């Protein structure tokens, strides 16, 4: 994994070197920023998710701050950009990269995970390393992380400046067809809650598929904060 850019020392860390750093553990919800998109009216582009594009897990890894401190962040750093080993499926598509403000990246909460729920990070969940950004949407949780670049300017790559943006308004609301609304990168998750009874028929997909709920616990809730379950 490379650590480069506006740093004192460019690093190329092996997996074993990452594993040798102080270990941390936390539980955090990972939710697609398009969760429930299938219910939008009028329809918007993207995967037509219903309410299931999310999950909670216990993550083990190292603090991003410790990695950045090892490289030595120079004065004037503005953001940190992350890239993974995955590549666009079409040749002219922009490489997927995401950025965090420098203070967020160094707050000690953002982590680079190598284990999930007590075992090695699975391939589909980002093996061998993935970024975990508690309380923020999954678009920032870069999988197969292999490049960290400290920037001395705001990131202007497509996936930060243009895609995954929301209205800079209360509750990120805007009217269909409205123009001239300031947009900002999507960021913290909006808390959601659902109350259903065991045996109740619920809709599980945007196309109207329905299933009978089998509830084995009394309640489930989460917010944008780190929790223990």
Protein backbone atom coordinates (compact mmCIF):
# COMPACT_ATOMS: atom_id res chain seq x y z
CA UNK A 1 0.00 0.00 0.00
CA UNK A 2 1.44 3.34 -1.08
CA UNK A 3 1.26 6.48 1.07
CA UNK A 4 2.34 9.48 -0.93
CA UNK A 5 1.64 13.06 -1.92
CA UNK A 6 2.02 15.95 0.54
CA UNK A 7 4.04 13.91 3.04
CA UNK A 8 7.53 13.95 4.47
CA UNK A 9 8.29 10.35 3.52
CA UNK A 10 6.69 8.32 0.74
CA UNK A 11 5.82 4.85 2.05
CA UNK A 12 5.23 1.49 0.42
CA UNK A 13 3.79 -0.73 3.14
CA UNK A 14 3.47 -4.48 2.87
CA UNK A 15 0.47 -6.21 4.42
CA UNK A 16 2.71 -7.50 7.21
CA UNK A 17 3.88 -3.97 7.96
CA UNK A 18 0.28 -2.81 8.20
CA UNK A 19 -0.54 -5.73 10.51
CA UNK A 20 2.34 -4.73 12.79
CA UNK A 21 0.75 -1.36 13.61
CA UNK A 22 -1.37 -0.93 16.77
CA UNK A 23 -4.61 -2.87 16.38
CA UNK A 24 -8.05 -1.35 16.92
CA UNK A 25 -11.57 -2.80 16.84
CA UNK A 26 -14.99 -1.22 16.38
CA UNK A 27 -18.51 -1.98 15.21
CA UNK A 28 -19.92 0.18 12.43
CA UNK A 29 -22.81 0.18 9.97
CA UNK A 30 -21.97 0.18 6.26
CA UNK A 31 -24.82 1.58 4.16
CA UNK A 32 -24.97 2.34 0.45
CA UNK A 33 -25.76 5.99 -0.19
CA UNK A 34 -28.38 4.76 -2.68
CA UNK A 35 -30.28 2.72 -0.12
CA UNK A 36 -34.04 3.02 -0.86
CA UNK A 37 -33.35 4.66 -4.25
CA UNK A 38 -35.91 2.33 -5.82
CA UNK A 39 -38.68 4.21 -4.04
CA UNK A 40 -37.75 7.64 -5.40
CA UNK A 41 -40.34 9.47 -7.46
CA UNK A 42 -39.52 10.47 -10.12
CA UNK A 43 -37.08 7.63 -10.78
CA UNK A 44 -33.38 8.43 -10.58
CA UNK A 45 -30.42 6.66 -12.20
CA UNK A 46 -28.57 3.96 -10.28
CA UNK A 47 -29.18 0.59 -8.68
CA UNK A 48 -32.85 0.37 -7.68
CA UNK A 49 -32.27 -0.55 -4.05
CA UNK A 50 -35.12 -1.07 -1.64
CA UNK A 51 -34.27 -0.95 2.08
CA UNK A 52 -31.63 -3.67 2.33
CA UNK A 53 -28.40 -2.08 1.10
CA UNK A 54 -26.76 -1.96 4.51
CA UNK A 55 -25.21 -4.13 7.17
CA UNK A 56 -23.40 -3.97 10.50
CA UNK A 57 -20.10 -5.68 11.26
CA UNK A 58 -17.24 -5.70 13.73
CA UNK A 59 -14.05 -4.45 12.08
CA UNK A 60 -10.45 -4.97 13.14
CA UNK A 61 -7.58 -3.02 11.66
CA UNK A 62 -5.32 -0.02 12.21
CA UNK A 63 -5.98 3.67 12.57
CA UNK A 64 -5.57 5.66 9.39
CA UNK A 65 -4.02 8.32 11.61
CA UNK A 66 -1.16 5.98 12.56
CA UNK A 67 -0.39 5.32 8.90
CA UNK A 68 -0.46 9.03 8.04
CA UNK A 69 1.71 9.88 11.04
CA UNK A 70 4.30 7.35 9.90
CA UNK A 71 4.52 9.12 6.53
CA UNK A 72 4.49 12.57 8.14
CA UNK A 73 1.76 14.87 6.86
CA UNK A 74 3.18 18.22 5.74
CA UNK A 75 1.70 21.57 6.72
CA UNK A 76 -0.87 22.75 4.21
CA UNK A 77 -2.46 19.33 3.66
CA UNK A 78 -6.15 19.68 2.81
CA UNK A 79 -7.55 16.24 1.99
CA UNK A 80 -6.57 12.59 1.77
CA UNK A 81 -7.58 10.60 -1.33
CA UNK A 82 -8.03 6.83 -1.41
CA UNK A 83 -7.82 4.41 -4.32
CA UNK A 84 -8.25 0.65 -4.58
CA UNK A 85 -7.04 -2.11 -6.86
CA UNK A 86 -10.37 -2.36 -8.71
CA UNK A 87 -10.56 -0.85 -12.18
CA UNK A 88 -13.39 0.63 -14.27
CA UNK A 89 -15.38 -1.92 -16.25
CA UNK A 90 -15.26 0.30 -19.35
CA UNK A 91 -12.10 1.93 -20.68
CA UNK A 92 -13.25 5.55 -20.63
CA UNK A 93 -14.75 5.54 -17.12
CA UNK A 94 -12.95 7.50 -14.38
CA UNK A 95 -11.01 5.54 -11.78
CA UNK A 96 -12.98 5.31 -8.53
CA UNK A 97 -11.38 7.40 -5.77
CA UNK A 98 -12.78 9.12 -2.68
CA UNK A 99 -11.41 11.78 -0.34
CA UNK A 100 -11.78 12.88 3.26
CA UNK A 101 -10.83 16.21 4.77
CA UNK A 102 -7.47 16.01 6.52
CA UNK A 103 -8.89 16.56 10.02
CA UNK A 104 -11.40 13.77 9.52
CA UNK A 105 -8.75 11.42 8.15
CA UNK A 106 -6.60 12.06 11.23
CA UNK A 107 -9.31 11.98 13.90
CA UNK A 108 -8.32 8.50 15.07
CA UNK A 109 -11.69 6.93 14.21
CA UNK A 110 -11.22 6.21 10.49
CA UNK A 111 -9.52 2.86 10.12
CA UNK A 112 -7.94 0.51 7.61
CA UNK A 113 -9.55 -2.86 8.24
CA UNK A 114 -8.13 -6.31 7.56
CA UNK A 115 -10.60 -8.42 9.58
CA UNK A 116 -14.40 -8.56 9.66
CA UNK A 117 -16.51 -10.31 12.30
CA UNK A 118 -13.54 -12.19 13.71
CA UNK A 119 -12.15 -13.50 10.45
CA UNK A 120 -10.02 -12.42 7.52
CA UNK A 121 -11.66 -9.72 5.42
CA UNK A 122 -13.55 -11.56 2.64
CA UNK A 123 -12.79 -10.79 -1.00
CA UNK A 124 -16.26 -9.36 -1.65
CA UNK A 125 -15.87 -7.09 1.36
CA UNK A 126 -12.58 -5.60 0.20
CA UNK A 127 -9.71 -8.05 0.86
CA UNK A 128 -6.97 -7.48 1.80
CA UNK A 129 -7.54 -3.95 3.16
CA UNK A 130 -10.49 -1.59 3.13
CA UNK A 131 -11.21 1.82 4.53
CA UNK A 132 -13.81 1.98 7.30
CA UNK A 133 -15.36 5.40 7.87
CA UNK A 134 -17.82 5.07 10.78
CA UNK A 135 -20.98 7.11 10.38
CA UNK A 136 -20.33 7.89 6.70
CA UNK A 137 -21.90 6.30 3.65
CA UNK A 138 -20.27 3.28 2.04
CA UNK A 139 -19.03 5.23 -0.98
CA UNK A 140 -16.13 6.31 1.25
CA UNK A 141 -15.33 2.77 2.43
CA UNK A 142 -12.86 2.08 -0.38
CA UNK A 143 -12.26 -1.63 -0.95
CA UNK A 144 -8.95 -3.31 -1.83
CA UNK A 145 -7.19 -0.16 -0.66
CA UNK A 146 -3.70 0.18 -2.11
CA UNK A 147 -3.08 3.91 -2.52
CA UNK A 148 -3.35 6.82 -0.07
CA UNK A 149 -2.52 10.28 -1.39
CA UNK A 150 -2.32 13.38 0.81
CA UNK A 151 -3.45 16.44 -1.16
CA UNK A 152 -2.56 20.09 -0.68
CA UNK A 153 -5.70 21.15 -2.58
CA UNK A 154 -9.37 20.10 -2.68
CA UNK A 155 -9.90 16.86 -4.60
CA UNK A 156 -11.43 17.52 -8.02
CA UNK A 157 -11.74 13.92 -9.22
CA UNK A 158 -15.10 12.91 -10.71
CA UNK A 159 -16.25 10.69 -7.84
CA UNK A 160 -15.77 13.46 -5.30
CA UNK A 161 -16.59 16.67 -7.17
CA UNK A 162 -19.37 15.49 -9.49
CA UNK A 163 -20.76 12.11 -8.47
CA UNK A 164 -22.21 11.29 -5.05
CA UNK A 165 -23.25 14.86 -4.33
CA UNK A 166 -26.36 16.06 -2.50
CA UNK A 167 -28.15 19.41 -2.19
CA UNK A 168 -26.61 21.72 0.40
CA UNK A 169 -30.02 22.29 1.97
CA UNK A 170 -31.79 21.16 5.16
CA UNK A 171 -32.30 17.38 4.91
CA UNK A 172 -30.65 17.55 1.44
CA UNK A 173 -34.07 18.27 -0.04
CA UNK A 174 -34.86 19.79 -3.43
CA UNK A 175 -37.87 19.80 -5.75
CA UNK A 176 -37.85 17.67 -8.93
CA UNK A 177 -36.56 19.76 -11.80
CA UNK A 178 -35.19 22.47 -9.53
CA UNK A 179 -31.90 23.99 -10.73
CA UNK A 180 -29.22 26.25 -9.33
CA UNK A 181 -29.03 24.34 -6.05
CA UNK A 182 -25.57 24.17 -4.48
CA UNK A 183 -24.33 20.57 -4.26
CA UNK A 184 -21.84 19.10 -1.79
CA UNK A 185 -20.29 15.63 -1.45
CA UNK A 186 -22.52 13.21 0.41
CA UNK A 187 -21.18 12.64 3.91
CA UNK A 188 -22.67 11.46 7.21
CA UNK A 189 -25.44 8.88 7.20
CA UNK A 190 -28.95 9.96 8.08
CA UNK A 191 -30.32 7.81 10.95
CA UNK A 192 -33.09 5.41 9.89
CA UNK A 193 -35.41 3.18 11.89
CA UNK A 194 -37.97 0.51 11.10
CA UNK A 195 -40.60 -1.01 13.37
CA UNK A 196 -42.18 -4.29 12.27
CA UNK A 197 -43.75 -7.25 14.04
CA UNK A 198 -42.76 -10.87 13.57
CA UNK A 199 -44.98 -12.40 10.91
CA UNK A 200 -45.83 -9.07 9.30
CA UNK A 201 -45.69 -8.92 5.47
CA UNK A 202 -43.10 -6.36 4.37
CA UNK A 203 -41.86 -5.11 0.99
CA UNK A 204 -38.21 -6.06 0.47
CA UNK A 205 -37.53 -4.76 -3.04
CA UNK A 206 -38.50 -1.80 -5.14
CA UNK A 207 -40.28 -4.06 -7.65
CA UNK A 208 -42.87 -4.99 -5.05
CA UNK A 209 -41.49 -8.33 -3.85
CA UNK A 210 -42.83 -9.11 -0.41
CA UNK A 211 -41.83 -11.50 2.35
CA UNK A 212 -42.93 -12.45 5.85
CA UNK A 213 -40.75 -10.96 8.57
CA UNK A 214 -39.07 -13.39 10.97
CA UNK A 215 -37.99 -11.16 13.85
CA UNK A 216 -35.69 -12.84 16.37
CA UNK A 217 -34.88 -9.76 18.41
CA UNK A 218 -37.11 -7.11 19.92
CA UNK A 219 -35.57 -4.06 18.30
CA UNK A 220 -32.79 -2.95 16.03
CA UNK A 221 -31.57 0.61 15.63
CA UNK A 222 -28.51 2.53 14.59
CA UNK A 223 -27.33 6.07 14.13
CA UNK A 224 -24.33 7.69 12.51
CA UNK A 225 -22.25 7.07 15.60
CA UNK A 226 -19.96 4.14 16.37
CA UNK A 227 -21.64 1.49 18.52
CA UNK A 228 -21.12 -1.95 19.99
CA UNK A 229 -23.79 -3.80 18.09
